[in-house]
Amino acid sequence: MPTVLRLDGLRVVIYPNDHRPAHVHVRGAASEAVFILHCPDGPPALRESFGFNTRELGRIAIDLAGALATLCAEWRVFHDRY
């Protein structure tokens, strides 16, 4: 499970054997959220989460939107298309 980005102690992961649509898993010590990227134009949208509060999820979404081009490029490295 390659970490493609770090956000304030959180790991943003893309699984090589995962399914479309393009998405990332954001993992904390006792929390995880999955965001659909909506490549290439975004914005990322929350699909599911546990352990994060609403404020944390909002901050994560903003940070993912800022890194969208990089995340979409990383998705294509592993999966070829969105």
Protein backbone atom coordinates (compact mmCIF):
# COMPACT_ATOMS: atom_id res chain seq x y z
CA MET A 1 0.00 0.00 0.00
CA PRO A 2 2.04 2.92 -1.29
CA THR A 3 1.77 6.21 0.56
CA VAL A 4 1.44 8.89 -2.11
CA LEU A 5 1.02 11.91 0.19
CA ARG A 6 1.23 12.84 3.87
CA LEU A 7 -1.10 15.37 5.49
CA ASP A 8 -0.33 16.42 9.06
CA GLY A 9 0.51 12.92 10.20
CA LEU A 10 -2.08 11.21 7.98
CA ARG A 11 -1.13 8.88 5.15
CA VAL A 12 -2.84 9.13 1.76
CA VAL A 13 -2.72 5.70 0.16
CA ILE A 14 -3.57 4.20 -3.24
CA TYR A 15 -3.85 0.42 -3.29
CA PRO A 16 -2.34 -1.12 -6.46
CA ASN A 17 -5.03 -3.81 -6.67
CA ASP A 18 -7.97 -1.47 -6.01
CA HIS A 19 -10.97 -0.68 -8.21
CA ARG A 20 -12.20 2.36 -10.10
CA PRO A 21 -13.29 5.11 -9.80
CA ALA A 22 -10.06 6.82 -8.82
CA HIS A 23 -9.96 7.25 -5.05
CA VAL A 24 -7.61 7.48 -2.09
CA HIS A 25 -7.65 6.11 1.43
CA VAL A 26 -6.66 8.61 4.11
CA ARG A 27 -5.36 6.76 7.16
CA GLY A 28 -4.72 7.98 10.68
CA ALA A 29 -3.81 6.02 13.80
CA ALA A 30 -7.41 4.96 14.49
CA SER A 31 -9.29 6.47 11.57
CA GLU A 32 -9.75 6.09 7.84
CA ALA A 33 -11.64 7.91 5.12
CA VAL A 34 -12.08 7.20 1.43
CA PHE A 35 -12.35 10.08 -1.03
CA ILE A 36 -13.37 9.72 -4.68
CA LEU A 37 -11.02 11.99 -6.64
CA HIS A 38 -13.20 12.79 -9.68
CA CYS A 39 -10.07 12.97 -11.84
CA PRO A 40 -8.91 15.02 -13.52
CA ASP A 41 -10.94 18.06 -12.45
CA GLY A 42 -12.22 17.18 -8.97
CA PRO A 43 -13.29 18.10 -6.46
CA PRO A 44 -12.62 15.11 -4.21
CA ALA A 45 -15.74 13.83 -2.47
CA LEU A 46 -16.05 11.81 0.70
CA ARG A 47 -17.29 8.25 0.12
CA GLU A 48 -17.00 6.91 3.64
CA SER A 49 -15.18 7.48 6.89
CA PHE A 50 -14.76 6.32 10.44
CA GLY A 51 -12.89 7.99 13.27
CA PHE A 52 -12.64 11.48 11.74
CA ASN A 53 -14.87 14.37 12.79
CA THR A 54 -16.54 16.77 10.37
CA ARG A 55 -13.91 19.46 10.80
CA GLU A 56 -11.06 17.02 10.09
CA LEU A 57 -12.85 15.71 6.99
CA GLY A 58 -13.30 19.25 5.68
CA ARG A 59 -9.60 19.97 6.12
CA ILE A 60 -8.64 16.70 4.43
CA ALA A 61 -10.92 17.46 1.46
CA ILE A 62 -9.30 20.89 1.03
CA ASP A 63 -5.81 19.39 1.20
CA LEU A 64 -6.69 16.65 -1.29
CA ALA A 65 -8.14 19.24 -3.69
CA GLY A 66 -4.84 21.12 -3.51
CA ALA A 67 -2.96 17.97 -4.45
CA LEU A 68 -5.48 16.67 -7.00
CA ALA A 69 -3.17 16.74 -10.04
CA THR A 70 -0.52 14.75 -8.18
CA LEU A 71 -3.05 12.25 -6.82
CA CYS A 72 -4.63 11.67 -10.23
CA ALA A 73 -1.19 11.17 -11.77
CA GLU A 74 -0.34 8.64 -9.03
CA TRP A 75 -3.63 6.80 -9.63
CA ARG A 76 -2.69 6.45 -13.32
CA VAL A 77 0.73 5.03 -12.42
CA PHE A 78 -1.02 2.13 -10.65
CA HIS A 79 -4.23 1.78 -12.67
CA ASP A 80 -3.61 3.33 -16.11
CA ARG A 81 -7.00 5.07 -16.26
CA TYR A 82 -9.41 6.78 -13.93
